[in-house]
């Protein structure tokens, strides 16, 4: 049963690393003015947050003391900041 557990944790680790890499690349390609226009942190801040979070997950693992907040940071970018930036670029606004 330990082999199955290790396989599940490996899949979760690689999935989180892929999400972190995607979030970092997405933060890099978005225009800096969009971050200011949506009232979020600046572009360098989000690039640093997502990149450091991905490195922390890689270095310490998913279920470590630092890994869980790193996953939260990646998820916050993907579910809060990214949709706001995409909505701004496509002209969709809830206001």
PDB file of N, CA and C in Angstrom:
ATOM      1  N   UNK A   1       0.812  -1.191   0.000  1.00  0.00           N
ATOM      2  CA  UNK A   1       0.000   0.000   0.000  1.00  0.00           C
ATOM      3  C   UNK A   1       0.858   1.259   0.000  1.00  0.00           C
ATOM      4  N   UNK A   2       2.074   1.168   0.470  1.00  0.00           N
ATOM      5  CA  UNK A   2       2.948   2.339   0.490  1.00  0.00           C
ATOM      6  C   UNK A   2       3.292   2.784  -0.929  1.00  0.00           C
ATOM      7  N   UNK A   3       3.365   1.860  -1.866  1.00  0.00           N
ATOM      8  CA  UNK A   3       3.647   2.214  -3.249  1.00  0.00           C
ATOM      9  C   UNK A   3       2.534   3.048  -3.852  1.00  0.00           C
ATOM     10  N   UNK A   4       1.290   2.694  -3.519  1.00  0.00           N
ATOM     11  CA  UNK A   4       0.151   3.456  -4.018  1.00  0.00           C
ATOM     12  C   UNK A   4       0.149   4.867  -3.443  1.00  0.00           C
ATOM     13  N   UNK A   5       0.417   4.978  -2.143  1.00  0.00           N
ATOM     14  CA  UNK A   5       0.468   6.295  -1.503  1.00  0.00           C
ATOM     15  C   UNK A   5       1.546   7.171  -2.139  1.00  0.00           C
ATOM     16  N   UNK A   6       2.698   6.595  -2.382  1.00  0.00           N
ATOM     17  CA  UNK A   6       3.775   7.354  -3.005  1.00  0.00           C
ATOM     18  C   UNK A   6       3.399   7.798  -4.413  1.00  0.00           C
ATOM     19  N   UNK A   7       2.700   6.945  -5.133  1.00  0.00           N
ATOM     20  CA  UNK A   7       2.275   7.305  -6.485  1.00  0.00           C
ATOM     21  C   UNK A   7       1.266   8.453  -6.451  1.00  0.00           C
ATOM     22  N   UNK A   8       0.331   8.405  -5.503  1.00  0.00           N
ATOM     23  CA  UNK A   8      -0.660   9.474  -5.389  1.00  0.00           C
ATOM     24  C   UNK A   8       0.022  10.796  -5.038  1.00  0.00           C
ATOM     25  N   UNK A   9       0.948  10.772  -4.090  1.00  0.00           N
ATOM     26  CA  UNK A   9       1.658  11.997  -3.722  1.00  0.00           C
ATOM     27  C   UNK A   9       2.508  12.520  -4.878  1.00  0.00           C
ATOM     28  N   UNK A  10       3.087  11.619  -5.673  1.00  0.00           N
ATOM     29  CA  UNK A  10       3.869  12.052  -6.829  1.00  0.00           C
ATOM     30  C   UNK A  10       2.975  12.731  -7.865  1.00  0.00           C
ATOM     31  N   UNK A  11       1.793  12.178  -8.102  1.00  0.00           N
ATOM     32  CA  UNK A  11       0.857  12.791  -9.051  1.00  0.00           C
ATOM     33  C   UNK A  11       0.429  14.169  -8.562  1.00  0.00           C
ATOM     34  N   UNK A  12       0.134  14.278  -7.274  1.00  0.00           N
ATOM     35  CA  UNK A  12      -0.261  15.570  -6.709  1.00  0.00           C
ATOM     36  C   UNK A  12       0.887  16.571  -6.814  1.00  0.00           C
ATOM     37  N   UNK A  13       2.094  16.137  -6.500  1.00  0.00           N
ATOM     38  CA  UNK A  13       3.258  17.018  -6.586  1.00  0.00           C
ATOM     39  C   UNK A  13       3.451  17.533  -8.000  1.00  0.00           C
ATOM     40  N   UNK A  14       3.413  16.645  -8.990  1.00  0.00           N
ATOM     41  CA  UNK A  14       3.622  17.068 -10.371  1.00  0.00           C
ATOM     42  C   UNK A  14       2.479  17.961 -10.860  1.00  0.00           C
ATOM     43  N   UNK A  15       1.265  17.703 -10.408  1.00  0.00           N
ATOM     44  CA  UNK A  15       0.135  18.553 -10.787  1.00  0.00           C
ATOM     45  C   UNK A  15       0.304  19.960 -10.222  1.00  0.00           C
ATOM     46  N   UNK A  16       0.718  20.059  -8.959  1.00  0.00           N
ATOM     47  CA  UNK A  16       0.920  21.378  -8.347  1.00  0.00           C
ATOM     48  C   UNK A  16       2.096  22.102  -8.999  1.00  0.00           C
ATOM     49  N   UNK A  17       3.151  21.371  -9.333  1.00  0.00           N
ATOM     50  CA  UNK A  17       4.280  22.002 -10.019  1.00  0.00           C
ATOM     51  C   UNK A  17       3.865  22.515 -11.392  1.00  0.00           C
ATOM     52  N   UNK A  18       3.036  21.754 -12.097  1.00  0.00           N
ATOM     53  CA  UNK A  18       2.549  22.200 -13.406  1.00  0.00           C
ATOM     54  C   UNK A  18       1.672  23.439 -13.263  1.00  0.00           C
ATOM     55  N   UNK A  19       0.788  23.458 -12.259  1.00  0.00           N
ATOM     56  CA  UNK A  19      -0.046  24.632 -12.024  1.00  0.00           C
ATOM     57  C   UNK A  19       0.804  25.853 -11.667  1.00  0.00           C
ATOM     58  N   UNK A  20       1.830  25.637 -10.851  1.00  0.00           N
ATOM     59  CA  UNK A  20       2.716  26.738 -10.472  1.00  0.00           C
ATOM     60  C   UNK A  20       3.481  27.297 -11.660  1.00  0.00           C
ATOM     61  N   UNK A  21       3.962  26.401 -12.522  1.00  0.00           N
ATOM     62  CA  UNK A  21       4.677  26.856 -13.719  1.00  0.00           C
ATOM     63  C   UNK A  21       3.728  27.612 -14.647  1.00  0.00           C
ATOM     64  N   UNK A  22       2.507  27.100 -14.788  1.00  0.00           N
ATOM     65  CA  UNK A  22       1.511  27.766 -15.630  1.00  0.00           C
ATOM     66  C   UNK A  22       1.176  29.149 -15.072  1.00  0.00           C
ATOM     67  N   UNK A  23       0.994  29.239 -13.755  1.00  0.00           N
ATOM     68  CA  UNK A  23       0.673  30.520 -13.137  1.00  0.00           C
ATOM     69  C   UNK A  23       1.820  31.508 -13.313  1.00  0.00           C
ATOM     70  N   UNK A  24       3.049  31.042 -13.179  1.00  0.00           N
ATOM     71  CA  UNK A  24       4.205  31.923 -13.333  1.00  0.00           C
ATOM     72  C   UNK A  24       4.313  32.441 -14.756  1.00  0.00           C
ATOM     73  N   UNK A  25       4.187  31.548 -15.728  1.00  0.00           N
ATOM     74  CA  UNK A  25       4.264  31.973 -17.131  1.00  0.00           C
ATOM     75  C   UNK A  25       3.108  32.914 -17.464  1.00  0.00           C
ATOM     76  N   UNK A  26       1.926  32.618 -16.962  1.00  0.00           N
ATOM     77  CA  UNK A  26       0.782  33.487 -17.212  1.00  0.00           C
ATOM     78  C   UNK A  26       0.996  34.863 -16.592  1.00  0.00           C
ATOM     79  N   UNK A  27       1.562  34.909 -15.400  1.00  0.00           N
ATOM     80  CA  UNK A  27       1.839  36.196 -14.761  1.00  0.00           C
ATOM     81  C   UNK A  27       2.878  36.988 -15.544  1.00  0.00           C
ATOM     82  N   UNK A  28       3.797  36.297 -16.181  1.00  0.00           N
ATOM     83  CA  UNK A  28       4.826  36.979 -16.963  1.00  0.00           C
ATOM     84  C   UNK A  28       4.254  37.575 -18.241  1.00  0.00           C
ATOM     85  N   UNK A  29       3.349  36.861 -18.909  1.00  0.00           N
ATOM     86  CA  UNK A  29       2.883  37.325 -20.220  1.00  0.00           C
ATOM     87  C   UNK A  29       1.777  38.373 -20.142  1.00  0.00           C
ATOM     88  N   UNK A  30       1.158  38.556 -18.998  1.00  0.00           N
ATOM     89  CA  UNK A  30       0.100  39.570 -18.873  1.00  0.00           C
ATOM     90  C   UNK A  30       0.721  40.960 -18.788  1.00  0.00           C
ATOM     91  N   UNK A  31       0.090  41.967 -19.376  1.00  0.00           N
ATOM     92  CA  UNK A  31       0.647  43.329 -19.334  1.00  0.00           C
ATOM     93  C   UNK A  31       0.608  43.906 -17.914  1.00  0.00           C
ATOM     94  N   UNK A  32       1.628  44.655 -17.585  1.00  0.00           N
ATOM     95  CA  UNK A  32       1.754  45.217 -16.238  1.00  0.00           C
ATOM     96  C   UNK A  32       0.636  46.195 -15.910  1.00  0.00           C
ATOM     97  N   UNK A  33       0.139  46.901 -16.903  1.00  0.00           N
ATOM     98  CA  UNK A  33      -0.921  47.877 -16.657  1.00  0.00           C
ATOM     99  C   UNK A  33      -2.210  47.206 -16.202  1.00  0.00           C
ATOM    100  N   UNK A  34      -2.414  45.962 -16.597  1.00  0.00           N
ATOM    101  CA  UNK A  34      -3.621  45.252 -16.204  1.00  0.00           C
ATOM    102  C   UNK A  34      -3.696  44.994 -14.718  1.00  0.00           C
ATOM    103  N   UNK A  35      -2.563  44.726 -14.112  1.00  0.00           N
ATOM    104  CA  UNK A  35      -2.533  44.486 -12.671  1.00  0.00           C
ATOM    105  C   UNK A  35      -2.960  45.728 -11.905  1.00  0.00           C
ATOM    106  N   UNK A  36      -2.487  46.874 -12.341  1.00  0.00           N
ATOM    107  CA  UNK A  36      -2.835  48.131 -11.686  1.00  0.00           C
ATOM    108  C   UNK A  36      -4.308  48.455 -11.925  1.00  0.00           C
ATOM    109  N   UNK A  37      -4.765  48.220 -13.149  1.00  0.00           N
ATOM    110  CA  UNK A  37      -6.146  48.550 -13.498  1.00  0.00           C
ATOM    111  C   UNK A  37      -7.156  47.699 -12.731  1.00  0.00           C
ATOM    112  N   UNK A  38      -6.787  46.475 -12.407  1.00  0.00           N
ATOM    113  CA  UNK A  38      -7.701  45.610 -11.668  1.00  0.00           C
ATOM    114  C   UNK A  38      -7.562  45.757 -10.162  1.00  0.00           C
ATOM    115  N   UNK A  39      -6.610  46.550  -9.713  1.00  0.00           N
ATOM    116  CA  UNK A  39      -6.448  46.782  -8.278  1.00  0.00           C
ATOM    117  C   UNK A  39      -5.743  45.655  -7.551  1.00  0.00           C
ATOM    118  N   UNK A  40      -4.975  44.872  -8.280  1.00  0.00           N
ATOM    119  CA  UNK A  40      -4.229  43.772  -7.671  1.00  0.00           C
ATOM    120  C   UNK A  40      -2.801  44.223  -7.385  1.00  0.00           C
ATOM    121  N   UNK A  41      -2.021  43.340  -6.798  1.00  0.00           N
ATOM    122  CA  UNK A  41      -0.602  43.633  -6.614  1.00  0.00           C
ATOM    123  C   UNK A  41       0.056  43.830  -7.976  1.00  0.00           C
ATOM    124  N   UNK A  42       1.251  44.381  -7.980  1.00  0.00           N
ATOM    125  CA  UNK A  42       1.930  44.665  -9.238  1.00  0.00           C
ATOM    126  C   UNK A  42       2.369  43.375  -9.932  1.00  0.00           C
ATOM    127  N   UNK A  43       2.712  43.514 -11.203  1.00  0.00           N
ATOM    128  CA  UNK A  43       3.160  42.367 -11.990  1.00  0.00           C
ATOM    129  C   UNK A  43       4.405  41.717 -11.390  1.00  0.00           C
ATOM    130  N   UNK A  44       5.455  42.481 -11.030  1.00  0.00           N
ATOM    131  CA  UNK A  44       6.624  41.825 -10.435  1.00  0.00           C
ATOM    132  C   UNK A  44       6.295  41.077  -9.142  1.00  0.00           C
ATOM    133  N   UNK A  45       5.356  41.596  -8.379  1.00  0.00           N
ATOM    134  CA  UNK A  45       4.977  40.923  -7.141  1.00  0.00           C
ATOM    135  C   UNK A  45       4.332  39.567  -7.437  1.00  0.00           C
ATOM    136  N   UNK A  46       3.400  39.516  -8.389  1.00  0.00           N
ATOM    137  CA  UNK A  46       2.741  38.249  -8.693  1.00  0.00           C
ATOM    138  C   UNK A  46       3.677  37.268  -9.386  1.00  0.00           C
ATOM    139  N   UNK A  47       4.582  37.769 -10.211  1.00  0.00           N
ATOM    140  CA  UNK A  47       5.568  36.872 -10.822  1.00  0.00           C
ATOM    141  C   UNK A  47       6.439  36.266  -9.729  1.00  0.00           C
ATOM    142  N   UNK A  48       6.881  37.085  -8.792  1.00  0.00           N
ATOM    143  CA  UNK A  48       7.714  36.584  -7.693  1.00  0.00           C
ATOM    144  C   UNK A  48       6.946  35.615  -6.799  1.00  0.00           C
ATOM    145  N   UNK A  49       5.693  35.946  -6.480  1.00  0.00           N
ATOM    146  CA  UNK A  49       4.893  35.077  -5.612  1.00  0.00           C
ATOM    147  C   UNK A  49       4.706  33.710  -6.243  1.00  0.00           C
ATOM    148  N   UNK A  50       4.310  33.677  -7.514  1.00  0.00           N
ATOM    149  CA  UNK A  50       4.064  32.384  -8.151  1.00  0.00           C
ATOM    150  C   UNK A  50       5.354  31.598  -8.371  1.00  0.00           C
ATOM    151  N   UNK A  51       6.438  32.287  -8.730  1.00  0.00           N
ATOM    152  CA  UNK A  51       7.707  31.595  -8.944  1.00  0.00           C
ATOM    153  C   UNK A  51       8.263  31.037  -7.634  1.00  0.00           C
ATOM    154  N   UNK A  52       8.234  31.834  -6.585  1.00  0.00           N
ATOM    155  CA  UNK A  52       8.736  31.364  -5.286  1.00  0.00           C
ATOM    156  C   UNK A  52       7.857  30.247  -4.746  1.00  0.00           C
ATOM    157  N   UNK A  53       6.558  30.364  -4.928  1.00  0.00           N
ATOM    158  CA  UNK A  53       5.650  29.309  -4.466  1.00  0.00           C
ATOM    159  C   UNK A  53       5.932  27.997  -5.186  1.00  0.00           C
ATOM    160  N   UNK A  54       6.182  28.064  -6.469  1.00  0.00           N
ATOM    161  CA  UNK A  54       6.509  26.852  -7.230  1.00  0.00           C
ATOM    162  C   UNK A  54       7.824  26.250  -6.754  1.00  0.00           C
ATOM    163  N   UNK A  55       8.807  27.084  -6.511  1.00  0.00           N
ATOM    164  CA  UNK A  55      10.095  26.583  -6.005  1.00  0.00           C
ATOM    165  C   UNK A  55       9.966  25.986  -4.603  1.00  0.00           C
ATOM    166  N   UNK A  56       9.135  26.578  -3.775  1.00  0.00           N
ATOM    167  CA  UNK A  56       8.923  26.053  -2.419  1.00  0.00           C
ATOM    168  C   UNK A  56       8.273  24.674  -2.489  1.00  0.00           C
ATOM    169  N   UNK A  57       7.281  24.523  -3.352  1.00  0.00           N
ATOM    170  CA  UNK A  57       6.633  23.208  -3.502  1.00  0.00           C
ATOM    171  C   UNK A  57       7.637  22.195  -4.017  1.00  0.00           C
ATOM    172  N   UNK A  58       8.482  22.600  -4.957  1.00  0.00           N
ATOM    173  CA  UNK A  58       9.496  21.694  -5.493  1.00  0.00           C
ATOM    174  C   UNK A  58      10.508  21.295  -4.413  1.00  0.00           C
ATOM    175  N   UNK A  59      10.916  22.250  -3.599  1.00  0.00           N
ATOM    176  CA  UNK A  59      11.961  21.982  -2.601  1.00  0.00           C
ATOM    177  C   UNK A  59      11.442  21.260  -1.366  1.00  0.00           C
ATOM    178  N   UNK A  60      10.249  21.621  -0.894  1.00  0.00           N
ATOM    179  CA  UNK A  60       9.777  21.097   0.380  1.00  0.00           C
ATOM    180  C   UNK A  60       8.639  20.097   0.263  1.00  0.00           C
ATOM    181  N   UNK A  61       8.000  20.026  -0.880  1.00  0.00           N
ATOM    182  CA  UNK A  61       6.903  19.090  -1.044  1.00  0.00           C
ATOM    183  C   UNK A  61       5.554  19.747  -0.864  1.00  0.00           C
ATOM    184  N   UNK A  62       4.526  18.959  -1.123  1.00  0.00           N
ATOM    185  CA  UNK A  62       3.169  19.478  -1.121  1.00  0.00           C
ATOM    186  C   UNK A  62       2.629  19.645   0.293  1.00  0.00           C
ATOM    187  N   UNK A  63       2.866  18.699   1.151  1.00  0.00           N
ATOM    188  CA  UNK A  63       2.270  18.712   2.481  1.00  0.00           C
ATOM    189  C   UNK A  63       3.218  19.212   3.564  1.00  0.00           C
ATOM    190  N   UNK A  64       4.158  20.044   3.190  1.00  0.00           N
ATOM    191  CA  UNK A  64       5.075  20.591   4.185  1.00  0.00           C
ATOM    192  C   UNK A  64       4.493  21.860   4.788  1.00  0.00           C
ATOM    193  N   UNK A  65       5.180  22.361   5.801  1.00  0.00           N
ATOM    194  CA  UNK A  65       4.758  23.587   6.479  1.00  0.00           C
ATOM    195  C   UNK A  65       4.727  24.770   5.523  1.00  0.00           C
ATOM    196  N   UNK A  66       5.651  24.823   4.587  1.00  0.00           N
ATOM    197  CA  UNK A  66       5.688  25.908   3.617  1.00  0.00           C
ATOM    198  C   UNK A  66       4.971  25.557   2.320  1.00  0.00           C
ATOM    199  N   UNK A  67       4.764  24.278   2.071  1.00  0.00           N
ATOM    200  CA  UNK A  67       4.139  23.847   0.832  1.00  0.00           C
ATOM    201  C   UNK A  67       2.675  24.227   0.729  1.00  0.00           C
ATOM    202  N   UNK A  68       1.950  24.105   1.820  1.00  0.00           N
ATOM    203  CA  UNK A  68       0.521  24.424   1.785  1.00  0.00           C
ATOM    204  C   UNK A  68       0.248  25.910   1.517  1.00  0.00           C
ATOM    205  N   UNK A  69       0.944  26.847   2.189  1.00  0.00           N
ATOM    206  CA  UNK A  69       0.735  28.266   1.827  1.00  0.00           C
ATOM    207  C   UNK A  69       1.170  28.577   0.387  1.00  0.00           C
ATOM    208  N   UNK A  70       2.172  27.872  -0.098  1.00  0.00           N
ATOM    209  CA  UNK A  70       2.605  28.075  -1.481  1.00  0.00           C
ATOM    210  C   UNK A  70       1.506  27.648  -2.453  1.00  0.00           C
ATOM    211  N   UNK A  71       0.851  26.536  -2.155  1.00  0.00           N
ATOM    212  CA  UNK A  71      -0.255  26.083  -2.997  1.00  0.00           C
ATOM    213  C   UNK A  71      -1.395  27.096  -2.957  1.00  0.00           C
ATOM    214  N   UNK A  72      -1.668  27.642  -1.794  1.00  0.00           N
ATOM    215  CA  UNK A  72      -2.720  28.654  -1.668  1.00  0.00           C
ATOM    216  C   UNK A  72      -2.376  29.875  -2.518  1.00  0.00           C
ATOM    217  N   UNK A  73      -1.124  30.300  -2.522  1.00  0.00           N
ATOM    218  CA  UNK A  73      -0.713  31.458  -3.321  1.00  0.00           C
ATOM    219  C   UNK A  73      -0.917  31.197  -4.809  1.00  0.00           C
ATOM    220  N   UNK A  74      -0.572  30.001  -5.260  1.00  0.00           N
ATOM    221  CA  UNK A  74      -0.767  29.648  -6.672  1.00  0.00           C
ATOM    222  C   UNK A  74      -2.257  29.648  -7.018  1.00  0.00           C
ATOM    223  N   UNK A  75      -3.063  29.076  -6.138  1.00  0.00           N
ATOM    224  CA  UNK A  75      -4.501  29.005  -6.388  1.00  0.00           C
ATOM    225  C   UNK A  75      -5.124  30.401  -6.384  1.00  0.00           C
ATOM    226  N   UNK A  76      -4.676  31.281  -5.484  1.00  0.00           N
ATOM    227  CA  UNK A  76      -5.202  32.652  -5.448  1.00  0.00           C
ATOM    228  C   UNK A  76      -4.928  33.353  -6.773  1.00  0.00           C
ATOM    229  N   UNK A  77      -3.732  33.174  -7.313  1.00  0.00           N
ATOM    230  CA  UNK A  77      -3.450  33.801  -8.608  1.00  0.00           C
ATOM    231  C   UNK A  77      -4.383  33.244  -9.680  1.00  0.00           C
ATOM    232  N   UNK A  78      -4.536  31.929  -9.717  1.00  0.00           N
ATOM    233  CA  UNK A  78      -5.308  31.315 -10.797  1.00  0.00           C
ATOM    234  C   UNK A  78      -6.807  31.582 -10.711  1.00  0.00           C
ATOM    235  N   UNK A  79      -7.361  31.717  -9.513  1.00  0.00           N
ATOM    236  CA  UNK A  79      -8.813  31.894  -9.404  1.00  0.00           C
ATOM    237  C   UNK A  79      -9.241  33.343  -9.132  1.00  0.00           C
ATOM    238  N   UNK A  80      -8.317  34.214  -8.787  1.00  0.00           N
ATOM    239  CA  UNK A  80      -8.687  35.596  -8.502  1.00  0.00           C
ATOM    240  C   UNK A  80      -8.023  36.577  -9.470  1.00  0.00           C
ATOM    241  N   UNK A  81      -6.730  36.545  -9.559  1.00  0.00           N
ATOM    242  CA  UNK A  81      -6.005  37.541 -10.355  1.00  0.00           C
ATOM    243  C   UNK A  81      -6.142  37.259 -11.846  1.00  0.00           C
ATOM    244  N   UNK A  82      -5.920  36.027 -12.255  1.00  0.00           N
ATOM    245  CA  UNK A  82      -5.964  35.684 -13.682  1.00  0.00           C
ATOM    246  C   UNK A  82      -7.320  35.990 -14.309  1.00  0.00           C
ATOM    247  N   UNK A  83      -8.445  35.589 -13.697  1.00  0.00           N
ATOM    248  CA  UNK A  83      -9.732  35.941 -14.320  1.00  0.00           C
ATOM    249  C   UNK A  83      -9.958  37.453 -14.421  1.00  0.00           C
ATOM    250  N   UNK A  84      -9.486  38.205 -13.437  1.00  0.00           N
ATOM    251  CA  UNK A  84      -9.633  39.662 -13.501  1.00  0.00           C
ATOM    252  C   UNK A  84      -8.826  40.234 -14.659  1.00  0.00           C
ATOM    253  N   UNK A  85      -7.628  39.722 -14.855  1.00  0.00           N
ATOM    254  CA  UNK A  85      -6.799  40.206 -15.955  1.00  0.00           C
ATOM    255  C   UNK A  85      -7.372  39.793 -17.306  1.00  0.00           C
ATOM    256  N   UNK A  86      -7.880  38.585 -17.389  1.00  0.00           N
ATOM    257  CA  UNK A  86      -8.479  38.119 -18.645  1.00  0.00           C
ATOM    258  C   UNK A  86      -9.741  38.906 -18.963  1.00  0.00           C
ATOM    259  N   UNK A  87     -10.544  39.201 -17.963  1.00  0.00           N
ATOM    260  CA  UNK A  87     -11.753  39.985 -18.180  1.00  0.00           C
ATOM    261  C   UNK A  87     -11.440  41.389 -18.640  1.00  0.00           C
ATOM    262  N   UNK A  88     -10.364  41.941 -18.132  1.00  0.00           N
ATOM    263  CA  UNK A  88      -9.950  43.284 -18.530  1.00  0.00           C
ATOM    264  C   UNK A  88      -9.486  43.299 -19.981  1.00  0.00           C
ATOM    265  N   UNK A  89      -8.740  42.265 -20.388  1.00  0.00           N
ATOM    266  CA  UNK A  89      -8.229  42.212 -21.743  1.00  0.00           C
ATOM    267  C   UNK A  89      -9.328  41.981 -22.766  1.00  0.00           C
ATOM    268  N   UNK A  90     -10.324  41.162 -22.416  1.00  0.00           N
ATOM    269  CA  UNK A  90     -11.378  40.869 -23.390  1.00  0.00           C
ATOM    270  C   UNK A  90     -12.499  41.894 -23.348  1.00  0.00           C
ATOM    271  N   UNK A  91     -12.435  42.826 -22.425  1.00  0.00           N
ATOM    272  CA  UNK A  91     -13.442  43.864 -22.340  1.00  0.00           C
ATOM    273  C   UNK A  91     -14.636  43.478 -21.496  1.00  0.00           C
ATOM    274  N   UNK A  92     -14.635  42.295 -20.932  1.00  0.00           N
ATOM    275  CA  UNK A  92     -15.737  41.881 -20.067  1.00  0.00           C
ATOM    276  C   UNK A  92     -15.508  42.460 -18.689  1.00  0.00           C
ATOM    277  N   UNK A  93     -16.476  43.131 -18.178  1.00  0.00           N
ATOM    278  CA  UNK A  93     -16.362  43.712 -16.854  1.00  0.00           C
ATOM    279  C   UNK A  93     -17.673  43.560 -16.130  1.00  0.00           C
ATOM    280  N   UNK A  94     -17.587  43.267 -14.856  1.00  0.00           N
ATOM    281  CA  UNK A  94     -18.804  43.115 -14.074  1.00  0.00           C
ATOM    282  C   UNK A  94     -19.348  44.468 -13.620  1.00  0.00           C
ATOM    283  N   UNK A  95     -18.633  45.549 -13.928  1.00  0.00           N
ATOM    284  CA  UNK A  95     -19.076  46.872 -13.489  1.00  0.00           C
ATOM    285  C   UNK A  95     -19.879  47.493 -14.585  1.00  0.00           C
TER     286      UNK A  95
END
